[in-house]
């Protein structure tokens, strides 16, 4: 800013000096009109070029600033366009993720339902197997019990028979004498012979 101000003062001084030199030259020389007009014309051209230079400096700087704003505006436009595209891509990805999440939720529900069905089938199969095993064990236990009862009955019958024979023998020995004994043997032989 200071540099531009110094440049402006320098150019203003050049204008002043050129105009003053032209007027002084015109007054001091008292020459012909032709000479006066050349110095005035040269002064005017110097003033014109100085003014054109000043205008060029300020306008070029102004144009550079506008170009800078245009460049920055273009960069901002590109950044906004990039942000818009990034937003669209992010929205697409979010939509894809939402679809994936919905699909995964559906898959999880299906897997859970399938696992529940399989668990129910396994439970039913285990219960059926346990029921069959329990029936088999009960049947085996009943057979063993029946077998043990038969064996116990036979043992009891044997013991009762042995006891009855033993008691019967004692009774017979006490109540049957030798005559009864001979008569019974004869009767047995007679019955056997018939």
C-alpha atoms as a PDB file:
ATOM      1  CA  UNK A   1       0.000   0.000   0.000  1.00  0.00           C
ATOM      2  CA  UNK A   2       2.825   2.385   0.893  1.00  0.00           C
ATOM      3  CA  UNK A   3       4.628   1.414  -2.293  1.00  0.00           C
ATOM      4  CA  UNK A   4       1.604   2.327  -4.394  1.00  0.00           C
ATOM      5  CA  UNK A   5       1.253   5.644  -2.574  1.00  0.00           C
ATOM      6  CA  UNK A   6       4.947   6.448  -3.178  1.00  0.00           C
ATOM      7  CA  UNK A   7       4.540   5.533  -6.853  1.00  0.00           C
ATOM      8  CA  UNK A   8       1.502   7.802  -7.113  1.00  0.00           C
ATOM      9  CA  UNK A   9       3.420  10.721  -5.515  1.00  0.00           C
ATOM     10  CA  UNK A  10       6.353  10.133  -7.861  1.00  0.00           C
ATOM     11  CA  UNK A  11       4.106  10.189 -10.906  1.00  0.00           C
ATOM     12  CA  UNK A  12       2.330  13.307  -9.611  1.00  0.00           C
ATOM     13  CA  UNK A  13       5.713  14.992  -9.181  1.00  0.00           C
ATOM     14  CA  UNK A  14       6.642  13.982 -12.737  1.00  0.00           C
ATOM     15  CA  UNK A  15       3.407  15.576 -13.995  1.00  0.00           C
ATOM     16  CA  UNK A  16       4.095  18.730 -12.057  1.00  0.00           C
ATOM     17  CA  UNK A  17       7.694  18.936 -13.212  1.00  0.00           C
ATOM     18  CA  UNK A  18       6.768  18.263 -16.825  1.00  0.00           C
ATOM     19  CA  UNK A  19       4.019  20.875 -16.835  1.00  0.00           C
ATOM     20  CA  UNK A  20       6.239  23.381 -14.986  1.00  0.00           C
ATOM     21  CA  UNK A  21       9.140  22.704 -17.348  1.00  0.00           C
ATOM     22  CA  UNK A  22       6.889  23.168 -20.366  1.00  0.00           C
ATOM     23  CA  UNK A  23       5.514  26.473 -19.043  1.00  0.00           C
ATOM     24  CA  UNK A  24       8.932  27.735 -17.985  1.00  0.00           C
ATOM     25  CA  UNK A  25      10.394  26.809 -21.290  1.00  0.00           C
ATOM     26  CA  UNK A  26       7.583  28.612 -23.052  1.00  0.00           C
ATOM     27  CA  UNK A  27       8.033  31.787 -20.980  1.00  0.00           C
ATOM     28  CA  UNK A  28      11.823  31.864 -21.043  1.00  0.00           C
ATOM     29  CA  UNK A  29      12.349  31.204 -24.666  1.00  0.00           C
ATOM     30  CA  UNK A  30       9.868  33.558 -26.157  1.00  0.00           C
ATOM     31  CA  UNK A  31      10.407  31.582 -29.291  1.00  0.00           C
ATOM     32  CA  UNK A  32       8.079  31.029 -32.061  1.00  0.00           C
ATOM     33  CA  UNK A  33       4.822  29.307 -31.784  1.00  0.00           C
ATOM     34  CA  UNK A  34       6.170  26.280 -33.417  1.00  0.00           C
ATOM     35  CA  UNK A  35       8.654  25.659 -30.630  1.00  0.00           C
ATOM     36  CA  UNK A  36       6.084  26.367 -27.991  1.00  0.00           C
ATOM     37  CA  UNK A  37       3.727  23.883 -29.339  1.00  0.00           C
ATOM     38  CA  UNK A  38       6.411  21.126 -29.471  1.00  0.00           C
ATOM     39  CA  UNK A  39       7.285  21.503 -25.811  1.00  0.00           C
ATOM     40  CA  UNK A  40       3.637  21.681 -24.896  1.00  0.00           C
ATOM     41  CA  UNK A  41       2.942  18.666 -27.051  1.00  0.00           C
ATOM     42  CA  UNK A  42       5.854  16.753 -25.490  1.00  0.00           C
ATOM     43  CA  UNK A  43       4.641  17.742 -22.006  1.00  0.00           C
ATOM     44  CA  UNK A  44       1.149  16.639 -22.840  1.00  0.00           C
ATOM     45  CA  UNK A  45       2.424  13.308 -24.187  1.00  0.00           C
ATOM     46  CA  UNK A  46       4.532  12.795 -21.093  1.00  0.00           C
ATOM     47  CA  UNK A  47       1.521  13.593 -18.953  1.00  0.00           C
ATOM     48  CA  UNK A  48      -0.592  11.232 -21.061  1.00  0.00           C
ATOM     49  CA  UNK A  49       1.919   8.377 -20.763  1.00  0.00           C
ATOM     50  CA  UNK A  50       2.316   8.985 -17.043  1.00  0.00           C
ATOM     51  CA  UNK A  51      -1.473   8.968 -16.608  1.00  0.00           C
ATOM     52  CA  UNK A  52      -1.743   5.845 -18.761  1.00  0.00           C
ATOM     53  CA  UNK A  53       0.999   4.203 -16.680  1.00  0.00           C
ATOM     54  CA  UNK A  54      -0.783   5.093 -13.446  1.00  0.00           C
ATOM     55  CA  UNK A  55      -4.071   3.786 -14.800  1.00  0.00           C
ATOM     56  CA  UNK A  56      -2.362   0.649 -16.027  1.00  0.00           C
ATOM     57  CA  UNK A  57      -0.726   0.033 -12.657  1.00  0.00           C
ATOM     58  CA  UNK A  58      -3.974   0.478 -10.715  1.00  0.00           C
ATOM     59  CA  UNK A  59      -6.177  -1.301 -13.246  1.00  0.00           C
ATOM     60  CA  UNK A  60      -3.750  -4.205 -13.655  1.00  0.00           C
ATOM     61  CA  UNK A  61      -3.653  -4.577  -9.900  1.00  0.00           C
ATOM     62  CA  UNK A  62      -7.428  -4.430  -9.791  1.00  0.00           C
ATOM     63  CA  UNK A  63      -7.646  -7.012 -12.574  1.00  0.00           C
ATOM     64  CA  UNK A  64      -5.172  -9.246 -10.770  1.00  0.00           C
ATOM     65  CA  UNK A  65      -7.356  -9.006  -7.666  1.00  0.00           C
ATOM     66  CA  UNK A  66     -10.409  -9.901  -9.750  1.00  0.00           C
ATOM     67  CA  UNK A  67      -8.491 -12.796 -11.305  1.00  0.00           C
ATOM     68  CA  UNK A  68      -7.510 -13.899  -7.842  1.00  0.00           C
ATOM     69  CA  UNK A  69     -11.177 -13.735  -6.782  1.00  0.00           C
ATOM     70  CA  UNK A  70     -12.134 -15.655  -9.922  1.00  0.00           C
ATOM     71  CA  UNK A  71      -9.524 -18.294  -9.137  1.00  0.00           C
ATOM     72  CA  UNK A  72     -10.688 -18.532  -5.549  1.00  0.00           C
ATOM     73  CA  UNK A  73     -14.323 -18.607  -6.686  1.00  0.00           C
ATOM     74  CA  UNK A  74     -13.471 -21.418  -9.101  1.00  0.00           C
ATOM     75  CA  UNK A  75     -11.663 -23.320  -6.344  1.00  0.00           C
ATOM     76  CA  UNK A  76     -14.647 -22.805  -4.031  1.00  0.00           C
ATOM     77  CA  UNK A  77     -17.013 -23.980  -6.793  1.00  0.00           C
ATOM     78  CA  UNK A  78     -14.844 -27.052  -7.339  1.00  0.00           C
ATOM     79  CA  UNK A  79     -14.730 -27.699  -3.580  1.00  0.00           C
ATOM     80  CA  UNK A  80     -18.533 -27.363  -3.362  1.00  0.00           C
ATOM     81  CA  UNK A  81     -18.943 -29.701  -6.341  1.00  0.00           C
ATOM     82  CA  UNK A  82     -16.520 -32.176  -4.754  1.00  0.00           C
ATOM     83  CA  UNK A  83     -18.399 -31.945  -1.465  1.00  0.00           C
ATOM     84  CA  UNK A  84     -21.704 -32.518  -3.276  1.00  0.00           C
ATOM     85  CA  UNK A  85     -20.290 -35.578  -5.041  1.00  0.00           C
ATOM     86  CA  UNK A  86     -18.822 -36.859  -1.772  1.00  0.00           C
ATOM     87  CA  UNK A  87     -22.210 -36.351  -0.108  1.00  0.00           C
ATOM     88  CA  UNK A  88     -23.946 -38.281  -2.900  1.00  0.00           C
ATOM     89  CA  UNK A  89     -21.413 -41.100  -2.614  1.00  0.00           C
ATOM     90  CA  UNK A  90     -21.788 -41.130   1.166  1.00  0.00           C
ATOM     91  CA  UNK A  91     -25.591 -41.272   0.806  1.00  0.00           C
ATOM     92  CA  UNK A  92     -25.247 -44.169  -1.672  1.00  0.00           C
ATOM     93  CA  UNK A  93     -22.923 -46.003   0.694  1.00  0.00           C
ATOM     94  CA  UNK A  94     -25.276 -45.309   3.605  1.00  0.00           C
ATOM     95  CA  UNK A  95     -28.179 -46.682   1.576  1.00  0.00           C
ATOM     96  CA  UNK A  96     -26.125 -49.763   0.659  1.00  0.00           C
ATOM     97  CA  UNK A  97     -25.185 -50.226   4.322  1.00  0.00           C
ATOM     98  CA  UNK A  98     -28.841 -49.861   5.324  1.00  0.00           C
ATOM     99  CA  UNK A  99     -29.779 -52.522   2.767  1.00  0.00           C
ATOM    100  CA  UNK A 100     -26.980 -54.784   4.005  1.00  0.00           C
ATOM    101  CA  UNK A 101     -28.080 -54.258   7.598  1.00  0.00           C
ATOM    102  CA  UNK A 102     -31.686 -55.079   6.688  1.00  0.00           C
ATOM    103  CA  UNK A 103     -30.508 -58.199   4.822  1.00  0.00           C
ATOM    104  CA  UNK A 104     -28.303 -59.224   7.744  1.00  0.00           C
ATOM    105  CA  UNK A 105     -31.231 -58.698  10.125  1.00  0.00           C
ATOM    106  CA  UNK A 106     -33.434 -60.888   7.943  1.00  0.00           C
ATOM    107  CA  UNK A 107     -30.678 -63.503   7.735  1.00  0.00           C
ATOM    108  CA  UNK A 108     -30.250 -63.413  11.515  1.00  0.00           C
ATOM    109  CA  UNK A 109     -34.005 -63.911  11.991  1.00  0.00           C
ATOM    110  CA  UNK A 110     -33.961 -66.822   9.538  1.00  0.00           C
ATOM    111  CA  UNK A 111     -30.949 -68.411  11.230  1.00  0.00           C
ATOM    112  CA  UNK A 112     -32.581 -67.949  14.635  1.00  0.00           C
ATOM    113  CA  UNK A 113     -35.829 -69.522  13.410  1.00  0.00           C
ATOM    114  CA  UNK A 114     -33.906 -72.395  11.791  1.00  0.00           C
ATOM    115  CA  UNK A 115     -31.917 -72.938  14.998  1.00  0.00           C
ATOM    116  CA  UNK A 116     -35.151 -72.925  17.030  1.00  0.00           C
ATOM    117  CA  UNK A 117     -36.704 -75.497  14.661  1.00  0.00           C
ATOM    118  CA  UNK A 118     -33.604 -77.676  14.799  1.00  0.00           C
ATOM    119  CA  UNK A 119     -33.468 -77.361  18.597  1.00  0.00           C
ATOM    120  CA  UNK A 120     -37.147 -78.337  18.816  1.00  0.00           C
ATOM    121  CA  UNK A 121     -36.553 -81.322  16.516  1.00  0.00           C
ATOM    122  CA  UNK A 122     -33.506 -82.340  18.553  1.00  0.00           C
ATOM    123  CA  UNK A 123     -35.514 -81.978  21.766  1.00  0.00           C
ATOM    124  CA  UNK A 124     -38.314 -84.127  20.331  1.00  0.00           C
ATOM    125  CA  UNK A 125     -35.807 -86.712  19.085  1.00  0.00           C
ATOM    126  CA  UNK A 126     -34.065 -86.812  22.483  1.00  0.00           C
ATOM    127  CA  UNK A 127     -37.403 -87.113  24.297  1.00  0.00           C
ATOM    128  CA  UNK A 128     -38.507 -89.926  21.942  1.00  0.00           C
ATOM    129  CA  UNK A 129     -35.184 -91.678  22.437  1.00  0.00           C
ATOM    130  CA  UNK A 130     -35.390 -91.220  26.221  1.00  0.00           C
ATOM    131  CA  UNK A 131     -38.994 -92.469  26.225  1.00  0.00           C
ATOM    132  CA  UNK A 132     -38.008 -95.582  24.235  1.00  0.00           C
ATOM    133  CA  UNK A 133     -35.021 -96.164  26.507  1.00  0.00           C
ATOM    134  CA  UNK A 134     -37.212 -95.748  29.598  1.00  0.00           C
ATOM    135  CA  UNK A 135     -39.750 -98.217  28.161  1.00  0.00           C
ATOM    136  CA  UNK A 136     -36.954-100.677  27.376  1.00  0.00           C
ATOM    137  CA  UNK A 137     -35.529-100.313  30.899  1.00  0.00           C
ATOM    138  CA  UNK A 138     -38.983-100.770  32.447  1.00  0.00           C
ATOM    139  CA  UNK A 139     -39.596-103.846  30.272  1.00  0.00           C
ATOM    140  CA  UNK A 140     -36.227-105.312  31.231  1.00  0.00           C
ATOM    141  CA  UNK A 141     -36.913-104.558  34.890  1.00  0.00           C
ATOM    142  CA  UNK A 142     -40.327-106.224  34.610  1.00  0.00           C
ATOM    143  CA  UNK A 143     -38.751-109.300  32.996  1.00  0.00           C
ATOM    144  CA  UNK A 144     -36.100-109.438  35.693  1.00  0.00           C
ATOM    145  CA  UNK A 145     -38.739-109.018  38.370  1.00  0.00           C
ATOM    146  CA  UNK A 146     -40.903-111.722  36.775  1.00  0.00           C
ATOM    147  CA  UNK A 147     -37.868-113.976  36.508  1.00  0.00           C
ATOM    148  CA  UNK A 148     -36.909-113.296  40.108  1.00  0.00           C
ATOM    149  CA  UNK A 149     -40.506-113.848  41.239  1.00  0.00           C
ATOM    150  CA  UNK A 150     -40.659-117.191  39.354  1.00  0.00           C
ATOM    151  CA  UNK A 151     -37.306-118.201  40.787  1.00  0.00           C
ATOM    152  CA  UNK A 152     -38.447-117.131  44.255  1.00  0.00           C
ATOM    153  CA  UNK A 153     -41.748-119.040  43.820  1.00  0.00           C
ATOM    154  CA  UNK A 154     -39.892-122.155  42.658  1.00  0.00           C
ATOM    155  CA  UNK A 155     -37.484-121.839  45.546  1.00  0.00           C
ATOM    156  CA  UNK A 156     -40.398-121.285  47.903  1.00  0.00           C
ATOM    157  CA  UNK A 157     -42.302-124.223  46.432  1.00  0.00           C
ATOM    158  CA  UNK A 158     -39.208-126.377  46.741  1.00  0.00           C
ATOM    159  CA  UNK A 159     -38.713-125.304  50.333  1.00  0.00           C
ATOM    160  CA  UNK A 160     -42.432-125.796  51.076  1.00  0.00           C
ATOM    161  CA  UNK A 161     -42.346-129.219  49.401  1.00  0.00           C
ATOM    162  CA  UNK A 162     -39.209-130.182  51.279  1.00  0.00           C
ATOM    163  CA  UNK A 163     -40.733-128.922  54.475  1.00  0.00           C
ATOM    164  CA  UNK A 164     -44.028-130.733  53.727  1.00  0.00           C
ATOM    165  CA  UNK A 165     -42.176-133.940  52.924  1.00  0.00           C
ATOM    166  CA  UNK A 166     -40.112-133.573  56.016  1.00  0.00           C
ATOM    167  CA  UNK A 167     -43.176-132.869  58.150  1.00  0.00           C
ATOM    168  CA  UNK A 168     -45.147-135.549  56.388  1.00  0.00           C
ATOM    169  CA  UNK A 169     -42.385-138.065  57.041  1.00  0.00           C
ATOM    170  CA  UNK A 170     -42.289-137.135  60.677  1.00  0.00           C
ATOM    171  CA  UNK A 171     -46.068-137.410  60.900  1.00  0.00           C
ATOM    172  CA  UNK A 172     -46.044-140.691  59.045  1.00  0.00           C
ATOM    173  CA  UNK A 173     -43.228-142.028  61.160  1.00  0.00           C
ATOM    174  CA  UNK A 174     -45.082-141.040  64.267  1.00  0.00           C
ATOM    175  CA  UNK A 175     -48.484-142.306  63.182  1.00  0.00           C
ATOM    176  CA  UNK A 176     -47.818-145.206  60.858  1.00  0.00           C
ATOM    177  CA  UNK A 177     -46.629-148.343  62.354  1.00  0.00           C
ATOM    178  CA  UNK A 178     -45.142-151.383  60.644  1.00  0.00           C
ATOM    179  CA  UNK A 179     -48.496-152.912  59.801  1.00  0.00           C
ATOM    180  CA  UNK A 180     -49.721-149.706  58.173  1.00  0.00           C
ATOM    181  CA  UNK A 181     -46.511-149.576  56.299  1.00  0.00           C
ATOM    182  CA  UNK A 182     -46.901-153.072  54.876  1.00  0.00           C
ATOM    183  CA  UNK A 183     -50.495-152.402  53.953  1.00  0.00           C
ATOM    184  CA  UNK A 184     -49.571-149.183  52.119  1.00  0.00           C
ATOM    185  CA  UNK A 185     -46.818-150.876  50.170  1.00  0.00           C
ATOM    186  CA  UNK A 186     -49.235-153.663  49.163  1.00  0.00           C
ATOM    187  CA  UNK A 187     -51.850-151.189  48.128  1.00  0.00           C
ATOM    188  CA  UNK A 188     -49.278-149.297  46.062  1.00  0.00           C
ATOM    189  CA  UNK A 189     -48.200-152.456  44.306  1.00  0.00           C
ATOM    190  CA  UNK A 190     -51.804-153.399  43.595  1.00  0.00           C
ATOM    191  CA  UNK A 191     -52.529-149.976  42.183  1.00  0.00           C
ATOM    192  CA  UNK A 192     -49.400-150.082  40.096  1.00  0.00           C
ATOM    193  CA  UNK A 193     -50.308-153.413  38.631  1.00  0.00           C
ATOM    194  CA  UNK A 194     -53.696-152.401  37.448  1.00  0.00           C
END
